[in-house]
């Protein structure tokens, strides 16, 4: 799942044709519509972000990143855009950059739990285990119903030989209907 798709939904209030096309899965058409709108409003962060998402859905990752970076130049404190860039770098296995952009997003007032979660994922991959645990914990503190944070924290605790605590996290994730949690419980918590 692409994190950015869950953060900044395409489907603005103005009935933008790009949003309509995006929501129908017509990503090429969405890019065309957003591009038309950007000719008249080139500094519209939402249009740039949404066009980037449409590029991303088509696998045009360089174009997606270019749009996200353009949006960030206009609004450097937009946590949705920062998280989209973080997610881009994470999917490219560039965990240092993923951590950097997620950290920037996390510092912005009102940032969602997904900012801390993304930071934790990148730190986890980099081997910063205690910092990753803290980031997952912060995501949970921000949103007690953020099941992926419980699950990932459980997996990290399992790797650190903290089985009992890991299984508690898996149980919490399962209670939030996180699909992979039940398999983890069956596999690790006997």
Protein backbone atom coordinates (compact mmCIF):
# COMPACT_ATOMS: atom_id res chain seq x y z
CA UNK A 1 0.00 0.00 0.00
CA UNK A 2 1.30 3.38 -0.83
CA UNK A 3 1.25 5.53 2.20
CA UNK A 4 0.69 8.70 0.25
CA UNK A 5 -2.59 7.41 -1.17
CA UNK A 6 -4.04 7.24 2.32
CA UNK A 7 -2.87 10.68 3.31
CA UNK A 8 -4.01 13.21 0.75
CA UNK A 9 -7.05 11.87 -1.03
CA UNK A 10 -7.65 12.92 -4.58
CA UNK A 11 -11.16 14.15 -4.81
CA UNK A 12 -11.26 17.80 -4.02
CA UNK A 13 -14.37 19.71 -3.11
CA UNK A 14 -14.43 21.59 -6.40
CA UNK A 15 -15.26 18.58 -8.60
CA UNK A 16 -11.95 18.84 -10.47
CA UNK A 17 -11.95 16.60 -13.56
CA UNK A 18 -8.51 15.30 -12.61
CA UNK A 19 -9.94 14.11 -9.30
CA UNK A 20 -12.84 12.41 -11.08
CA UNK A 21 -10.48 10.62 -13.46
CA UNK A 22 -8.14 9.65 -10.61
CA UNK A 23 -10.97 8.19 -8.55
CA UNK A 24 -12.05 6.15 -11.57
CA UNK A 25 -8.52 4.77 -12.00
CA UNK A 26 -8.00 6.71 -15.24
CA UNK A 27 -4.57 7.96 -14.18
CA UNK A 28 -3.36 9.06 -17.62
CA UNK A 29 -6.47 11.21 -18.03
CA UNK A 30 -6.00 12.51 -14.48
CA UNK A 31 -2.47 13.66 -15.34
CA UNK A 32 -3.82 15.47 -18.41
CA UNK A 33 -6.57 17.19 -16.42
CA UNK A 34 -4.26 18.23 -13.58
CA UNK A 35 -1.77 19.52 -16.14
CA UNK A 36 -4.48 21.64 -17.77
CA UNK A 37 -5.45 23.11 -14.40
CA UNK A 38 -1.82 23.73 -13.50
CA UNK A 39 -1.42 25.93 -16.60
CA UNK A 40 -3.81 28.39 -14.93
CA UNK A 41 -2.71 27.77 -11.35
CA UNK A 42 0.93 26.58 -11.45
CA UNK A 43 1.51 27.03 -7.72
CA UNK A 44 -1.43 24.92 -6.56
CA UNK A 45 0.09 22.40 -4.15
CA UNK A 46 -2.96 20.11 -4.20
CA UNK A 47 -2.93 19.89 -8.01
CA UNK A 48 0.82 19.19 -8.05
CA UNK A 49 0.46 16.57 -5.35
CA UNK A 50 -2.50 14.90 -7.05
CA UNK A 51 -0.75 14.87 -10.42
CA UNK A 52 2.24 13.33 -8.68
CA UNK A 53 -0.03 10.64 -7.25
CA UNK A 54 -1.45 9.95 -10.71
CA UNK A 55 2.10 9.63 -12.09
CA UNK A 56 2.93 7.33 -9.19
CA UNK A 57 -0.04 5.09 -9.95
CA UNK A 58 1.22 4.75 -13.52
CA UNK A 59 4.72 3.84 -12.36
CA UNK A 60 6.13 7.15 -13.59
CA UNK A 61 8.15 7.61 -10.44
CA UNK A 62 10.53 10.31 -11.65
CA UNK A 63 7.58 12.46 -12.75
CA UNK A 64 5.82 11.79 -9.45
CA UNK A 65 8.85 12.86 -7.45
CA UNK A 66 9.27 15.98 -9.58
CA UNK A 67 5.68 17.02 -8.83
CA UNK A 68 6.06 16.28 -5.12
CA UNK A 69 9.28 18.30 -4.99
CA UNK A 70 7.63 21.20 -6.83
CA UNK A 71 4.79 21.15 -4.32
CA UNK A 72 7.31 21.12 -1.47
CA UNK A 73 9.09 24.17 -2.89
CA UNK A 74 5.79 26.05 -2.73
CA UNK A 75 4.79 24.75 0.70
CA UNK A 76 7.80 23.40 2.62
CA UNK A 77 5.65 22.62 5.66
CA UNK A 78 3.10 20.42 3.94
CA UNK A 79 3.31 17.13 5.81
CA UNK A 80 1.33 15.24 3.15
CA UNK A 81 3.87 16.16 0.50
CA UNK A 82 6.77 15.40 2.85
CA UNK A 83 5.29 11.97 3.52
CA UNK A 84 4.79 11.30 -0.18
CA UNK A 85 8.48 12.06 -0.74
CA UNK A 86 9.41 9.93 2.27
CA UNK A 87 7.34 7.05 0.90
CA UNK A 88 8.94 7.46 -2.53
CA UNK A 89 12.42 7.14 -1.02
CA UNK A 90 11.35 4.22 1.15
CA UNK A 91 10.09 2.30 -1.89
CA UNK A 92 13.44 3.01 -3.56
CA UNK A 93 15.27 1.57 -0.51
CA UNK A 94 16.74 4.97 0.28
CA UNK A 95 15.95 4.74 3.97
CA UNK A 96 18.11 7.69 5.06
CA UNK A 97 16.12 10.07 2.86
CA UNK A 98 12.86 8.39 3.83
CA UNK A 99 13.73 8.98 7.49
CA UNK A 100 14.73 12.60 6.82
CA UNK A 101 11.46 13.52 5.09
CA UNK A 102 9.32 11.61 7.59
CA UNK A 103 11.14 13.37 10.43
CA UNK A 104 10.44 16.74 8.84
CA UNK A 105 6.77 15.81 8.48
CA UNK A 106 6.60 14.58 12.06
CA UNK A 107 7.81 17.96 13.37
CA UNK A 108 4.90 19.85 11.81
CA UNK A 109 2.03 20.63 14.10
CA UNK A 110 -0.97 18.47 13.26
CA UNK A 111 1.05 15.81 11.44
CA UNK A 112 -0.73 12.45 11.42
CA UNK A 113 0.47 9.29 13.11
CA UNK A 114 1.63 8.06 9.72
CA UNK A 115 4.56 10.52 9.92
CA UNK A 116 5.92 8.81 13.02
CA UNK A 117 5.09 5.42 11.54
CA UNK A 118 7.01 6.17 8.35
CA UNK A 119 9.95 7.44 10.39
CA UNK A 120 9.86 4.22 12.41
CA UNK A 121 9.82 2.07 9.27
CA UNK A 122 12.87 3.84 7.86
CA UNK A 123 14.73 3.67 11.18
CA UNK A 124 13.82 0.00 11.45
CA UNK A 125 15.38 -0.66 8.04
CA UNK A 126 18.49 1.31 9.01
CA UNK A 127 18.95 -0.74 12.17
CA UNK A 128 18.12 2.06 14.61
CA UNK A 129 15.97 -0.29 16.63
CA UNK A 130 15.38 1.68 19.82
CA UNK A 131 14.64 4.86 17.86
CA UNK A 132 12.29 2.89 15.61
CA UNK A 133 10.46 1.56 18.68
CA UNK A 134 10.06 5.12 19.94
CA UNK A 135 8.75 6.29 16.56
CA UNK A 136 6.20 3.46 16.43
CA UNK A 137 5.23 4.31 20.00
CA UNK A 138 4.75 7.95 19.03
CA UNK A 139 2.50 6.91 16.14
CA UNK A 140 0.40 4.93 18.63
CA UNK A 141 0.35 7.85 21.04
CA UNK A 142 -1.01 10.07 18.25
CA UNK A 143 -3.56 7.48 17.11
CA UNK A 144 -4.42 4.58 19.43
CA UNK A 145 -6.17 2.85 16.51
CA UNK A 146 -3.17 2.86 14.17
CA UNK A 147 -2.87 -0.91 13.78
CA UNK A 148 0.18 -0.99 11.45
CA UNK A 149 2.25 0.73 14.17
CA UNK A 150 1.34 -1.97 16.71
CA UNK A 151 2.14 -4.69 14.19
CA UNK A 152 5.49 -3.23 13.07
CA UNK A 153 6.48 -2.51 16.65
CA UNK A 154 5.62 -6.12 17.47
CA UNK A 155 7.77 -7.41 14.62
CA UNK A 156 10.68 -5.28 15.79
CA UNK A 157 10.25 -6.44 19.40
CA UNK A 158 10.22 -10.02 18.15
CA UNK A 159 13.55 -9.46 16.39
CA UNK A 160 14.88 -8.01 19.67
CA UNK A 161 13.83 -11.22 21.49
CA UNK A 162 11.03 -9.48 23.39
CA UNK A 163 8.47 -12.11 22.49
CA UNK A 164 5.93 -11.44 25.22
CA UNK A 165 5.77 -7.72 24.46
CA UNK A 166 5.70 -8.44 20.72
CA UNK A 167 2.73 -10.76 21.16
CA UNK A 168 0.91 -8.07 23.13
CA UNK A 169 1.36 -5.71 20.19
CA UNK A 170 0.15 -8.37 17.76
CA UNK A 171 -2.96 -8.86 19.92
CA UNK A 172 -3.63 -5.13 19.88
CA UNK A 173 -3.21 -5.05 16.10
CA UNK A 174 -5.53 -8.03 15.77
CA UNK A 175 -8.13 -6.23 17.91
CA UNK A 176 -7.95 -3.41 15.38
CA UNK A 177 -8.57 -5.96 12.61
CA UNK A 178 -5.07 -5.78 11.12
CA UNK A 179 -5.03 -8.78 8.83
CA UNK A 180 -1.40 -9.87 9.26
CA UNK A 181 -1.62 -9.81 13.06
CA UNK A 182 -3.47 -13.11 13.34
CA UNK A 183 -0.83 -14.89 11.25
CA UNK A 184 1.91 -13.41 13.45
CA UNK A 185 0.11 -14.59 16.59
CA UNK A 186 -0.24 -18.11 15.21
CA UNK A 187 3.38 -18.20 14.09
CA UNK A 188 5.16 -16.53 17.02
CA UNK A 189 2.93 -16.46 20.08
CA UNK A 190 2.41 -20.09 21.04
